[in-house]
Amino acid sequence: MPEGPELCLASRFVTKIGAKHVFGGQIVKSEVSHKNPEVPFQAQKYKIWAESRGKEMKVFLEEVSQKKSNRLHVLFRFGMSGCFKFTKLAELPKHAHLRFFTVDRKHVLSFVDYRRFGRWEINGDWGKDRGPDAVREYQHVAFNKPICEVLMNQKFFNGIGNYLRAEILFRGGVPPFDPAREVLESLSMKQDPSIKIKFEKPDILELCHTIQKEVLSLGGGKGYDVENNAEDQAVFMNWLQCYYQDGMTNLVDSNKRTVWFSGHPGKLAPKNGISRGKVGSQKPPTPVKIKKTMKVKIETDHDYSPKKLRSRTKK
């Protein structure tokens, strides 16, 4: 299921396409999308861009005209498999349920949803029952806590657990007990096109996305399978860089969870912090020969179909 990071990436993708192309004409809904409304917007030429908030995304449409003020937005919820694709008209995806055509009719930006759980509404507002967005609303009181604790809050980072947060913070070079507000503020700066700063390492949002995709590409994941395949477990252990690794240190956070990290713990580290040693004397994982180097490809079309996932695992 597409989560907050995926919708943020989708909004960047739509905005990037909108900056390069001019759209025009009628917006077309597929015949099989019965539960979603028609989009009552038509212009000879219009601009398109997007912004996301958590698991929701708004696509804005504005007519390119000095005489008229014609503007509308469509609020999307992606469901289980929603994504956006930009293709040639002749290569229109099979499950393209809402289509925005370029003015020359050669290309189309489509909301693609093969399961049809995705929904959209015209001029819809952000859901009132949803928490603050971890990227754009970082000044919210919820982000006064250390970033390591906020990462485990499922309202903001759905699916992130203990080993994932350790790997994300380690690769991002972020001290685990730094204030979440400061870390998220840097994300907001990175998304502002008017601020040109070269960042040496990937940000938290990117790592939430790419690291989980890496785990998926390993095959067996952390080893929760009841059969406990030894080879899969060894591959996973060899993949880890921080969590439970030699040379790393740890502290217990306010939720009694152990945080693994390297270097300085951060500004909000507990004064009398407790460390936990490794349980037992684990032997190092058995080396496993991997025939091919693992490559993680970040798809710009955000396609999560089972067919695509299966094809990746075969490579």
C-alpha atoms as a PDB file:
ATOM      1  CA  MET A   1       0.000   0.000   0.000  1.00  0.00           C
ATOM      2  CA  PRO A   2       1.395   3.450  -0.873  1.00  0.00           C
ATOM      3  CA  GLU A   3       2.213   5.331   2.349  1.00  0.00           C
ATOM      4  CA  GLY A   4       3.180   8.927   3.118  1.00  0.00           C
ATOM      5  CA  PRO A   5       6.618   8.776   1.461  1.00  0.00           C
ATOM      6  CA  GLU A   6       5.175   7.265  -1.714  1.00  0.00           C
ATOM      7  CA  LEU A   7       2.510   9.982  -1.979  1.00  0.00           C
ATOM      8  CA  CYS A   8       5.126  12.653  -1.434  1.00  0.00           C
ATOM      9  CA  LEU A   9       7.187  11.148  -4.242  1.00  0.00           C
ATOM     10  CA  ALA A  10       4.080  11.000  -6.417  1.00  0.00           C
ATOM     11  CA  SER A  11       3.391  14.705  -5.820  1.00  0.00           C
ATOM     12  CA  ARG A  12       6.963  15.525  -6.828  1.00  0.00           C
ATOM     13  CA  PHE A  13       6.548  13.402  -9.944  1.00  0.00           C
ATOM     14  CA  VAL A  14       3.302  15.105 -11.016  1.00  0.00           C
ATOM     15  CA  THR A  15       4.758  18.562 -10.343  1.00  0.00           C
ATOM     16  CA  LYS A  16       7.874  17.700 -12.348  1.00  0.00           C
ATOM     17  CA  ILE A  17       5.768  16.538 -15.307  1.00  0.00           C
ATOM     18  CA  GLY A  18       3.587  19.635 -15.028  1.00  0.00           C
ATOM     19  CA  ALA A  19       6.638  21.891 -15.209  1.00  0.00           C
ATOM     20  CA  LYS A  20       7.700  20.329 -18.510  1.00  0.00           C
ATOM     21  CA  HIS A  21       4.356  19.957 -20.299  1.00  0.00           C
ATOM     22  CA  VAL A  22       1.195  21.962 -20.968  1.00  0.00           C
ATOM     23  CA  PHE A  23      -2.100  20.099 -20.695  1.00  0.00           C
ATOM     24  CA  GLY A  24      -5.400  20.765 -22.428  1.00  0.00           C
ATOM     25  CA  GLY A  25      -8.863  19.521 -23.297  1.00  0.00           C
ATOM     26  CA  GLN A  26     -11.237  17.307 -21.367  1.00  0.00           C
ATOM     27  CA  ILE A  27     -10.150  15.162 -18.424  1.00  0.00           C
ATOM     28  CA  VAL A  28     -11.367  11.621 -19.071  1.00  0.00           C
ATOM     29  CA  LYS A  29     -12.551   9.081 -16.500  1.00  0.00           C
ATOM     30  CA  SER A  30     -12.510   5.386 -17.383  1.00  0.00           C
ATOM     31  CA  GLU A  31     -15.831   3.645 -17.975  1.00  0.00           C
ATOM     32  CA  VAL A  32     -15.245   1.141 -15.176  1.00  0.00           C
ATOM     33  CA  SER A  33     -14.541   3.703 -12.445  1.00  0.00           C
ATOM     34  CA  HIS A  34     -18.135   3.869 -11.198  1.00  0.00           C
ATOM     35  CA  LYS A  35     -17.527   5.105  -7.640  1.00  0.00           C
ATOM     36  CA  ASN A  36     -15.475   8.162  -8.595  1.00  0.00           C
ATOM     37  CA  PRO A  37     -16.859  11.417 -10.045  1.00  0.00           C
ATOM     38  CA  GLU A  38     -16.230  13.067 -13.382  1.00  0.00           C
ATOM     39  CA  VAL A  39     -13.829  16.020 -13.229  1.00  0.00           C
ATOM     40  CA  PRO A  40     -15.759  19.110 -14.418  1.00  0.00           C
ATOM     41  CA  PHE A  41     -12.755  20.988 -15.739  1.00  0.00           C
ATOM     42  CA  GLN A  42     -11.938  21.817 -19.331  1.00  0.00           C
ATOM     43  CA  ALA A  43      -9.550  24.358 -20.828  1.00  0.00           C
ATOM     44  CA  GLN A  44      -7.625  24.760 -24.042  1.00  0.00           C
ATOM     45  CA  LYS A  45      -4.447  24.973 -21.975  1.00  0.00           C
ATOM     46  CA  TYR A  46      -3.899  24.399 -18.272  1.00  0.00           C
ATOM     47  CA  LYS A  47      -1.103  23.908 -15.759  1.00  0.00           C
ATOM     48  CA  ILE A  48      -0.898  20.985 -13.370  1.00  0.00           C
ATOM     49  CA  TRP A  49       0.965  20.470 -10.099  1.00  0.00           C
ATOM     50  CA  ALA A  50       0.480  18.542  -6.855  1.00  0.00           C
ATOM     51  CA  GLU A  51       1.097  18.507  -3.133  1.00  0.00           C
ATOM     52  CA  SER A  52       0.698  15.720  -0.585  1.00  0.00           C
ATOM     53  CA  ARG A  53      -0.174  15.478   3.083  1.00  0.00           C
ATOM     54  CA  GLY A  54       0.263  12.076   4.670  1.00  0.00           C
ATOM     55  CA  LYS A  55      -1.736   9.544   2.654  1.00  0.00           C
ATOM     56  CA  GLU A  56      -3.603  12.161   0.626  1.00  0.00           C
ATOM     57  CA  MET A  57      -2.593  14.167  -2.439  1.00  0.00           C
ATOM     58  CA  LYS A  58      -4.108  17.177  -4.192  1.00  0.00           C
ATOM     59  CA  VAL A  59      -3.637  17.678  -7.929  1.00  0.00           C
ATOM     60  CA  PHE A  60      -4.196  21.309  -8.922  1.00  0.00           C
ATOM     61  CA  LEU A  61      -5.442  22.389 -12.345  1.00  0.00           C
ATOM     62  CA  GLU A  62      -5.289  26.024 -13.481  1.00  0.00           C
ATOM     63  CA  GLU A  63      -6.156  27.427 -16.891  1.00  0.00           C
ATOM     64  CA  VAL A  64      -3.389  29.258 -18.733  1.00  0.00           C
ATOM     65  CA  SER A  65      -5.280  32.445 -19.551  1.00  0.00           C
ATOM     66  CA  GLN A  66      -5.030  36.115 -18.663  1.00  0.00           C
ATOM     67  CA  LYS A  67      -8.769  36.647 -19.132  1.00  0.00           C
ATOM     68  CA  LYS A  68     -10.183  33.785 -17.071  1.00  0.00           C
ATOM     69  CA  SER A  69      -9.674  32.535 -13.538  1.00  0.00           C
ATOM     70  CA  ASN A  70     -10.427  28.855 -13.884  1.00  0.00           C
ATOM     71  CA  ARG A  71      -8.966  26.657 -11.162  1.00  0.00           C
ATOM     72  CA  LEU A  72      -9.856  23.354  -9.511  1.00  0.00           C
ATOM     73  CA  HIS A  73      -8.150  20.626  -7.511  1.00  0.00           C
ATOM     74  CA  VAL A  74      -8.722  16.901  -7.175  1.00  0.00           C
ATOM     75  CA  LEU A  75      -8.054  15.187  -3.839  1.00  0.00           C
ATOM     76  CA  PHE A  76      -6.675  11.650  -4.271  1.00  0.00           C
ATOM     77  CA  ARG A  77      -6.466   8.755  -1.840  1.00  0.00           C
ATOM     78  CA  PHE A  78      -4.401   6.013  -3.440  1.00  0.00           C
ATOM     79  CA  GLY A  79      -5.976   2.941  -1.840  1.00  0.00           C
ATOM     80  CA  MET A  80      -3.985  -0.287  -2.179  1.00  0.00           C
ATOM     81  CA  SER A  81      -2.287   0.251  -5.520  1.00  0.00           C
ATOM     82  CA  GLY A  82      -2.771   3.789  -6.836  1.00  0.00           C
ATOM     83  CA  CYS A  83       0.046   5.524  -8.714  1.00  0.00           C
ATOM     84  CA  PHE A  84       0.642   8.107 -11.433  1.00  0.00           C
ATOM     85  CA  LYS A  85       2.215   7.371 -14.811  1.00  0.00           C
ATOM     86  CA  PHE A  86       3.180   9.609 -17.707  1.00  0.00           C
ATOM     87  CA  THR A  87       3.167   7.779 -21.041  1.00  0.00           C
ATOM     88  CA  LYS A  88       2.665   8.213 -24.745  1.00  0.00           C
ATOM     89  CA  LEU A  89      -1.001   8.163 -25.716  1.00  0.00           C
ATOM     90  CA  ALA A  90      -0.488   4.938 -27.679  1.00  0.00           C
ATOM     91  CA  GLU A  91       0.912   3.304 -24.517  1.00  0.00           C
ATOM     92  CA  LEU A  92      -1.968   4.210 -22.195  1.00  0.00           C
ATOM     93  CA  PRO A  93      -1.875   1.877 -19.142  1.00  0.00           C
ATOM     94  CA  LYS A  94      -4.663  -0.680 -18.919  1.00  0.00           C
ATOM     95  CA  HIS A  95      -5.895   0.520 -15.527  1.00  0.00           C
ATOM     96  CA  ALA A  96      -5.672   4.278 -16.170  1.00  0.00           C
ATOM     97  CA  HIS A  97      -8.851   5.500 -14.462  1.00  0.00           C
ATOM     98  CA  LEU A  98      -8.310   9.264 -14.739  1.00  0.00           C
ATOM     99  CA  ARG A  99      -6.443  10.800 -17.671  1.00  0.00           C
ATOM    100  CA  PHE A 100      -4.942  14.243 -18.173  1.00  0.00           C
ATOM    101  CA  PHE A 101      -3.879  14.833 -21.794  1.00  0.00           C
ATOM    102  CA  THR A 102      -1.108  17.101 -23.021  1.00  0.00           C
ATOM    103  CA  VAL A 103      -2.242  19.881 -25.329  1.00  0.00           C
ATOM    104  CA  ASP A 104      -0.713  18.141 -28.361  1.00  0.00           C
ATOM    105  CA  ARG A 105      -2.533  14.876 -27.442  1.00  0.00           C
ATOM    106  CA  LYS A 106       0.706  12.923 -27.712  1.00  0.00           C
ATOM    107  CA  HIS A 107       1.127  12.119 -24.010  1.00  0.00           C
ATOM    108  CA  VAL A 108      -1.120  11.438 -21.046  1.00  0.00           C
ATOM    109  CA  LEU A 109      -0.707  11.659 -17.271  1.00  0.00           C
ATOM    110  CA  SER A 110      -2.812   8.908 -15.709  1.00  0.00           C
ATOM    111  CA  PHE A 111      -3.959   7.879 -12.262  1.00  0.00           C
ATOM    112  CA  VAL A 112      -3.450   4.121 -12.501  1.00  0.00           C
ATOM    113  CA  ASP A 113      -5.112   1.772 -10.018  1.00  0.00           C
ATOM    114  CA  TYR A 114      -5.422  -1.900 -10.948  1.00  0.00           C
ATOM    115  CA  ARG A 115      -7.353  -2.800  -7.767  1.00  0.00           C
ATOM    116  CA  ARG A 116      -9.688   0.199  -8.025  1.00  0.00           C
ATOM    117  CA  PHE A 117      -9.604   0.971  -4.283  1.00  0.00           C
ATOM    118  CA  GLY A 118      -8.308   4.477  -4.949  1.00  0.00           C
ATOM    119  CA  ARG A 119     -10.695   7.423  -4.630  1.00  0.00           C
ATOM    120  CA  TRP A 120     -10.794  11.036  -5.710  1.00  0.00           C
ATOM    121  CA  GLU A 121     -13.098  13.943  -4.971  1.00  0.00           C
ATOM    122  CA  ILE A 122     -13.447  17.397  -6.493  1.00  0.00           C
ATOM    123  CA  ASN A 123     -12.070  20.276  -4.389  1.00  0.00           C
ATOM    124  CA  GLY A 124     -11.868  17.948  -1.395  1.00  0.00           C
ATOM    125  CA  ASP A 125     -10.251  19.016   1.887  1.00  0.00           C
ATOM    126  CA  TRP A 126      -7.536  17.185   3.804  1.00  0.00           C
ATOM    127  CA  GLY A 127      -8.987  14.530   6.100  1.00  0.00           C
ATOM    128  CA  LYS A 128      -9.825  15.983   9.532  1.00  0.00           C
ATOM    129  CA  ASP A 129      -9.148  12.660  11.243  1.00  0.00           C
ATOM    130  CA  ARG A 130      -5.519  12.521  10.091  1.00  0.00           C
ATOM    131  CA  GLY A 131      -2.471  13.610  12.069  1.00  0.00           C
ATOM    132  CA  PRO A 132       0.007  16.297  10.991  1.00  0.00           C
ATOM    133  CA  ASP A 133       2.243  15.655   7.999  1.00  0.00           C
ATOM    134  CA  ALA A 134       5.719  14.720   9.182  1.00  0.00           C
ATOM    135  CA  VAL A 135       7.419  16.689   6.403  1.00  0.00           C
ATOM    136  CA  ARG A 136       5.478  19.928   6.031  1.00  0.00           C
ATOM    137  CA  GLU A 137       3.894  20.383   9.480  1.00  0.00           C
ATOM    138  CA  TYR A 138       7.032  19.786  11.500  1.00  0.00           C
ATOM    139  CA  GLN A 139       6.207  22.661  13.909  1.00  0.00           C
ATOM    140  CA  HIS A 140       3.378  20.612  15.403  1.00  0.00           C
ATOM    141  CA  VAL A 141       3.781  19.791  19.122  1.00  0.00           C
ATOM    142  CA  ALA A 142       4.002  16.087  18.233  1.00  0.00           C
ATOM    143  CA  PHE A 143       7.487  16.742  16.835  1.00  0.00           C
ATOM    144  CA  ASN A 144       8.989  18.078  20.069  1.00  0.00           C
ATOM    145  CA  LYS A 145      10.262  14.558  20.729  1.00  0.00           C
ATOM    146  CA  PRO A 146      13.487  12.903  19.516  1.00  0.00           C
ATOM    147  CA  ILE A 147      13.402  11.812  15.881  1.00  0.00           C
ATOM    148  CA  CYS A 148      13.963   8.176  16.920  1.00  0.00           C
ATOM    149  CA  GLU A 149      10.656   8.180  18.831  1.00  0.00           C
ATOM    150  CA  VAL A 150       8.699  10.037  16.147  1.00  0.00           C
ATOM    151  CA  LEU A 151       9.891   7.525  13.528  1.00  0.00           C
ATOM    152  CA  MET A 152       8.174   4.773  15.514  1.00  0.00           C
ATOM    153  CA  ASN A 153       4.875   6.693  15.652  1.00  0.00           C
ATOM    154  CA  GLN A 154       2.633   4.891  13.165  1.00  0.00           C
ATOM    155  CA  LYS A 155       0.504   8.017  12.637  1.00  0.00           C
ATOM    156  CA  PHE A 156       3.411   9.593  10.793  1.00  0.00           C
ATOM    157  CA  PHE A 157       5.685   6.747   9.649  1.00  0.00           C
ATOM    158  CA  ASN A 158       3.425   3.798   9.005  1.00  0.00           C
ATOM    159  CA  GLY A 159       5.332   0.508   8.923  1.00  0.00           C
ATOM    160  CA  ILE A 160       8.599   1.733  10.440  1.00  0.00           C
ATOM    161  CA  GLY A 161       9.880  -0.501  13.247  1.00  0.00           C
ATOM    162  CA  ASN A 162      12.990  -0.838  15.382  1.00  0.00           C
ATOM    163  CA  TYR A 163      15.495  -2.226  12.884  1.00  0.00           C
ATOM    164  CA  LEU A 164      14.242   0.084  10.110  1.00  0.00           C
ATOM    165  CA  ARG A 165      14.639   3.233  12.195  1.00  0.00           C
ATOM    166  CA  ALA A 166      18.190   2.237  13.134  1.00  0.00           C
ATOM    167  CA  GLU A 167      19.159   1.734   9.485  1.00  0.00           C
ATOM    168  CA  ILE A 168      17.360   4.902   8.323  1.00  0.00           C
ATOM    169  CA  LEU A 169      18.980   7.181  10.908  1.00  0.00           C
ATOM    170  CA  PHE A 170      22.408   5.580  10.480  1.00  0.00           C
ATOM    171  CA  ARG A 171      22.474   5.962   6.708  1.00  0.00           C
ATOM    172  CA  GLY A 172      21.087   9.471   6.927  1.00  0.00           C
ATOM    173  CA  GLY A 173      23.773  10.485   9.421  1.00  0.00           C
ATOM    174  CA  VAL A 174      21.095  11.650  11.883  1.00  0.00           C
ATOM    175  CA  PRO A 175      21.712  11.350  15.655  1.00  0.00           C
ATOM    176  CA  PRO A 176      18.695   9.422  16.982  1.00  0.00           C
ATOM    177  CA  PHE A 177      17.931  11.834  19.818  1.00  0.00           C
ATOM    178  CA  ASP A 178      18.068  15.020  17.764  1.00  0.00           C
ATOM    179  CA  PRO A 179      14.772  16.987  17.899  1.00  0.00           C
ATOM    180  CA  ALA A 180      12.350  15.711  15.263  1.00  0.00           C
ATOM    181  CA  ARG A 181      11.377  19.286  14.395  1.00  0.00           C
ATOM    182  CA  GLU A 182      14.933  20.155  13.339  1.00  0.00           C
ATOM    183  CA  VAL A 183      15.313  17.027  11.224  1.00  0.00           C
ATOM    184  CA  LEU A 184      11.960  17.518   9.512  1.00  0.00           C
ATOM    185  CA  GLU A 185      12.633  21.217   8.948  1.00  0.00           C
ATOM    186  CA  SER A 186      15.622  20.289   6.806  1.00  0.00           C
ATOM    187  CA  LEU A 187      13.295  18.064   4.737  1.00  0.00           C
ATOM    188  CA  SER A 188      10.973  20.995   4.153  1.00  0.00           C
ATOM    189  CA  MET A 189      13.919  23.127   3.007  1.00  0.00           C
ATOM    190  CA  LYS A 190      14.998  20.412   0.585  1.00  0.00           C
ATOM    191  CA  GLN A 191      11.556  20.381  -1.044  1.00  0.00           C
ATOM    192  CA  ASP A 192      11.518  24.175  -1.513  1.00  0.00           C
ATOM    193  CA  PRO A 193      12.735  24.849  -5.100  1.00  0.00           C
ATOM    194  CA  SER A 194      13.757  28.398  -4.145  1.00  0.00           C
ATOM    195  CA  ILE A 195      16.361  27.074  -1.681  1.00  0.00           C
ATOM    196  CA  LYS A 196      19.372  25.643  -3.466  1.00  0.00           C
ATOM    197  CA  ILE A 197      21.393  23.552  -1.013  1.00  0.00           C
ATOM    198  CA  LYS A 198      23.439  20.505  -1.917  1.00  0.00           C
ATOM    199  CA  PHE A 199      22.748  17.673   0.542  1.00  0.00           C
ATOM    200  CA  GLU A 200      25.481  15.071   0.961  1.00  0.00           C
ATOM    201  CA  LYS A 201      23.252  12.249   2.201  1.00  0.00           C
ATOM    202  CA  PRO A 202      19.720  11.069   1.343  1.00  0.00           C
ATOM    203  CA  ASP A 203      17.005  12.444   3.612  1.00  0.00           C
ATOM    204  CA  ILE A 204      14.782  10.582   6.066  1.00  0.00           C
ATOM    205  CA  LEU A 205      11.870  10.484   3.650  1.00  0.00           C
ATOM    206  CA  GLU A 206      13.916   8.964   0.837  1.00  0.00           C
ATOM    207  CA  LEU A 207      15.437   6.405   3.200  1.00  0.00           C
ATOM    208  CA  CYS A 208      12.018   5.350   4.545  1.00  0.00           C
ATOM    209  CA  HIS A 209      11.205   4.464   0.952  1.00  0.00           C
ATOM    210  CA  THR A 210      14.448   2.978  -0.368  1.00  0.00           C
ATOM    211  CA  ILE A 211      15.444   0.940   2.682  1.00  0.00           C
ATOM    212  CA  GLN A 212      12.084  -0.827   2.811  1.00  0.00           C
ATOM    213  CA  LYS A 213      12.403  -1.596  -0.901  1.00  0.00           C
ATOM    214  CA  GLU A 214      15.844  -3.064  -0.211  1.00  0.00           C
ATOM    215  CA  VAL A 215      14.375  -5.376   2.438  1.00  0.00           C
ATOM    216  CA  LEU A 216      11.671  -6.481   0.012  1.00  0.00           C
ATOM    217  CA  SER A 217      14.289  -7.283  -2.602  1.00  0.00           C
ATOM    218  CA  LEU A 218      16.144  -9.527  -0.112  1.00  0.00           C
ATOM    219  CA  GLY A 219      13.278 -11.990  -0.302  1.00  0.00           C
ATOM    220  CA  GLY A 220      13.051 -13.307   3.251  1.00  0.00           C
ATOM    221  CA  GLY A 221      13.074 -10.035   5.188  1.00  0.00           C
ATOM    222  CA  LYS A 222      13.903 -10.100   8.896  1.00  0.00           C
ATOM    223  CA  GLY A 223      13.080 -13.770   9.245  1.00  0.00           C
ATOM    224  CA  TYR A 224       9.557 -13.890  10.665  1.00  0.00           C
ATOM    225  CA  ASP A 225       8.719 -16.899   8.501  1.00  0.00           C
ATOM    226  CA  VAL A 226       7.819 -19.861  10.719  1.00  0.00           C
ATOM    227  CA  GLU A 227      10.112 -22.046   8.625  1.00  0.00           C
ATOM    228  CA  ASN A 228      12.986 -19.641   9.446  1.00  0.00           C
ATOM    229  CA  ASN A 229      15.022 -20.189   6.290  1.00  0.00           C
ATOM    230  CA  ALA A 230      18.662 -19.975   7.413  1.00  0.00           C
ATOM    231  CA  GLU A 231      19.901 -18.612   4.098  1.00  0.00           C
ATOM    232  CA  ASP A 232      17.312 -15.828   4.045  1.00  0.00           C
ATOM    233  CA  GLN A 233      18.175 -14.925   7.643  1.00  0.00           C
ATOM    234  CA  ALA A 234      21.893 -14.807   6.827  1.00  0.00           C
ATOM    235  CA  VAL A 235      21.281 -12.556   3.821  1.00  0.00           C
ATOM    236  CA  PHE A 236      19.280 -10.201   6.028  1.00  0.00           C
ATOM    237  CA  MET A 237      21.943 -10.128   8.755  1.00  0.00           C
ATOM    238  CA  ASN A 238      24.640  -9.376   6.191  1.00  0.00           C
ATOM    239  CA  TRP A 239      22.503  -6.529   4.849  1.00  0.00           C
ATOM    240  CA  LEU A 240      22.229  -4.773   8.230  1.00  0.00           C
ATOM    241  CA  GLN A 241      24.698  -1.929   8.780  1.00  0.00           C
ATOM    242  CA  CYS A 242      23.645  -0.617  12.204  1.00  0.00           C
ATOM    243  CA  TYR A 243      20.967  -2.600  14.027  1.00  0.00           C
ATOM    244  CA  TYR A 244      22.552  -5.011  16.526  1.00  0.00           C
ATOM    245  CA  GLN A 245      25.923  -4.710  14.769  1.00  0.00           C
ATOM    246  CA  ASP A 246      29.395  -4.801  16.306  1.00  0.00           C
ATOM    247  CA  GLY A 247      30.867  -1.347  16.803  1.00  0.00           C
ATOM    248  CA  MET A 248      27.458   0.255  17.331  1.00  0.00           C
ATOM    249  CA  THR A 249      26.098   1.537  20.619  1.00  0.00           C
ATOM    250  CA  ASN A 250      22.558   1.790  21.933  1.00  0.00           C
ATOM    251  CA  LEU A 251      20.301   3.650  24.343  1.00  0.00           C
ATOM    252  CA  VAL A 252      16.810   2.977  25.637  1.00  0.00           C
ATOM    253  CA  ASP A 253      14.267   5.605  24.558  1.00  0.00           C
ATOM    254  CA  SER A 254      11.314   6.865  26.631  1.00  0.00           C
ATOM    255  CA  ASN A 255       9.154   4.083  25.205  1.00  0.00           C
ATOM    256  CA  LYS A 256      11.589   1.452  26.545  1.00  0.00           C
ATOM    257  CA  ARG A 257      12.744   0.540  23.048  1.00  0.00           C
ATOM    258  CA  THR A 258      16.436   0.069  22.256  1.00  0.00           C
ATOM    259  CA  VAL A 259      17.852   2.498  19.695  1.00  0.00           C
ATOM    260  CA  TRP A 260      21.010   1.416  17.849  1.00  0.00           C
ATOM    261  CA  PHE A 261      23.309   4.105  16.450  1.00  0.00           C
ATOM    262  CA  SER A 262      26.871   5.272  15.879  1.00  0.00           C
ATOM    263  CA  GLY A 263      28.464   8.466  17.184  1.00  0.00           C
ATOM    264  CA  HIS A 264      26.761  11.199  19.214  1.00  0.00           C
ATOM    265  CA  PRO A 265      23.254  10.276  20.436  1.00  0.00           C
ATOM    266  CA  GLY A 266      21.770  13.756  19.898  1.00  0.00           C
ATOM    267  CA  LYS A 267      20.574  16.823  21.807  1.00  0.00           C
ATOM    268  CA  LEU A 268      17.637  15.141  23.575  1.00  0.00           C
ATOM    269  CA  ALA A 269      19.490  12.025  24.719  1.00  0.00           C
ATOM    270  CA  PRO A 270      18.450  10.917  28.228  1.00  0.00           C
ATOM    271  CA  LYS A 271      20.854  12.207  30.890  1.00  0.00           C
ATOM    272  CA  ASN A 272      21.155   8.860  32.623  1.00  0.00           C
ATOM    273  CA  GLY A 273      20.650   6.799  29.513  1.00  0.00           C
ATOM    274  CA  ILE A 274      20.565   3.028  29.801  1.00  0.00           C
ATOM    275  CA  SER A 275      22.375   0.808  27.313  1.00  0.00           C
ATOM    276  CA  ARG A 276      21.544  -2.810  26.685  1.00  0.00           C
ATOM    277  CA  GLY A 277      24.115  -5.388  25.716  1.00  0.00           C
ATOM    278  CA  LYS A 278      23.558  -8.012  23.058  1.00  0.00           C
ATOM    279  CA  VAL A 279      21.495 -10.897  24.333  1.00  0.00           C
ATOM    280  CA  GLY A 280      23.697 -13.964  24.512  1.00  0.00           C
ATOM    281  CA  SER A 281      26.789 -14.484  22.400  1.00  0.00           C
ATOM    282  CA  GLN A 282      25.503 -14.630  18.869  1.00  0.00           C
ATOM    283  CA  LYS A 283      27.793 -16.098  16.278  1.00  0.00           C
ATOM    284  CA  PRO A 284      28.327 -13.969  13.189  1.00  0.00           C
ATOM    285  CA  PRO A 285      25.996 -14.903  10.320  1.00  0.00           C
ATOM    286  CA  THR A 286      27.215 -17.532   7.932  1.00  0.00           C
ATOM    287  CA  PRO A 287      28.559 -15.868   4.780  1.00  0.00           C
ATOM    288  CA  VAL A 288      26.224 -16.364   1.854  1.00  0.00           C
ATOM    289  CA  LYS A 289      27.299 -16.054  -1.738  1.00  0.00           C
ATOM    290  CA  ILE A 290      24.902 -13.835  -3.627  1.00  0.00           C
ATOM    291  CA  LYS A 291      25.074 -14.450  -7.350  1.00  0.00           C
ATOM    292  CA  LYS A 292      24.092 -10.949  -8.388  1.00  0.00           C
ATOM    293  CA  THR A 293      24.630  -7.598  -6.746  1.00  0.00           C
ATOM    294  CA  MET A 294      21.389  -6.270  -5.340  1.00  0.00           C
ATOM    295  CA  LYS A 295      20.173  -3.208  -7.211  1.00  0.00           C
ATOM    296  CA  VAL A 296      17.305  -1.122  -5.928  1.00  0.00           C
ATOM    297  CA  LYS A 297      15.536   0.838  -8.632  1.00  0.00           C
ATOM    298  CA  ILE A 298      13.380   3.754  -7.575  1.00  0.00           C
ATOM    299  CA  GLU A 299      10.423   3.859  -9.957  1.00  0.00           C
ATOM    300  CA  THR A 300       9.272   7.318 -10.960  1.00  0.00           C
ATOM    301  CA  ASP A 301       5.850   5.987 -11.850  1.00  0.00           C
ATOM    302  CA  HIS A 302       5.230   4.534  -8.346  1.00  0.00           C
ATOM    303  CA  ASP A 303       3.936   1.188  -9.660  1.00  0.00           C
ATOM    304  CA  TYR A 304       3.271  -1.392  -6.909  1.00  0.00           C
ATOM    305  CA  SER A 305       1.496  -4.063  -8.956  1.00  0.00           C
ATOM    306  CA  PRO A 306       2.227  -7.700  -7.982  1.00  0.00           C
ATOM    307  CA  LYS A 307       3.341  -8.400 -11.540  1.00  0.00           C
ATOM    308  CA  LYS A 308       6.084  -5.792 -11.268  1.00  0.00           C
ATOM    309  CA  LEU A 309       7.143  -6.992  -7.825  1.00  0.00           C
ATOM    310  CA  ARG A 310       7.399 -10.578  -9.040  1.00  0.00           C
ATOM    311  CA  SER A 311       9.510  -9.557 -12.009  1.00  0.00           C
ATOM    312  CA  ARG A 312      11.930  -7.755  -9.695  1.00  0.00           C
ATOM    313  CA  THR A 313      12.440 -10.755  -7.446  1.00  0.00           C
ATOM    314  CA  LYS A 314      13.296 -12.973 -10.420  1.00  0.00           C
ATOM    315  CA  LYS A 315      16.141 -10.711 -11.542  1.00  0.00           C
END
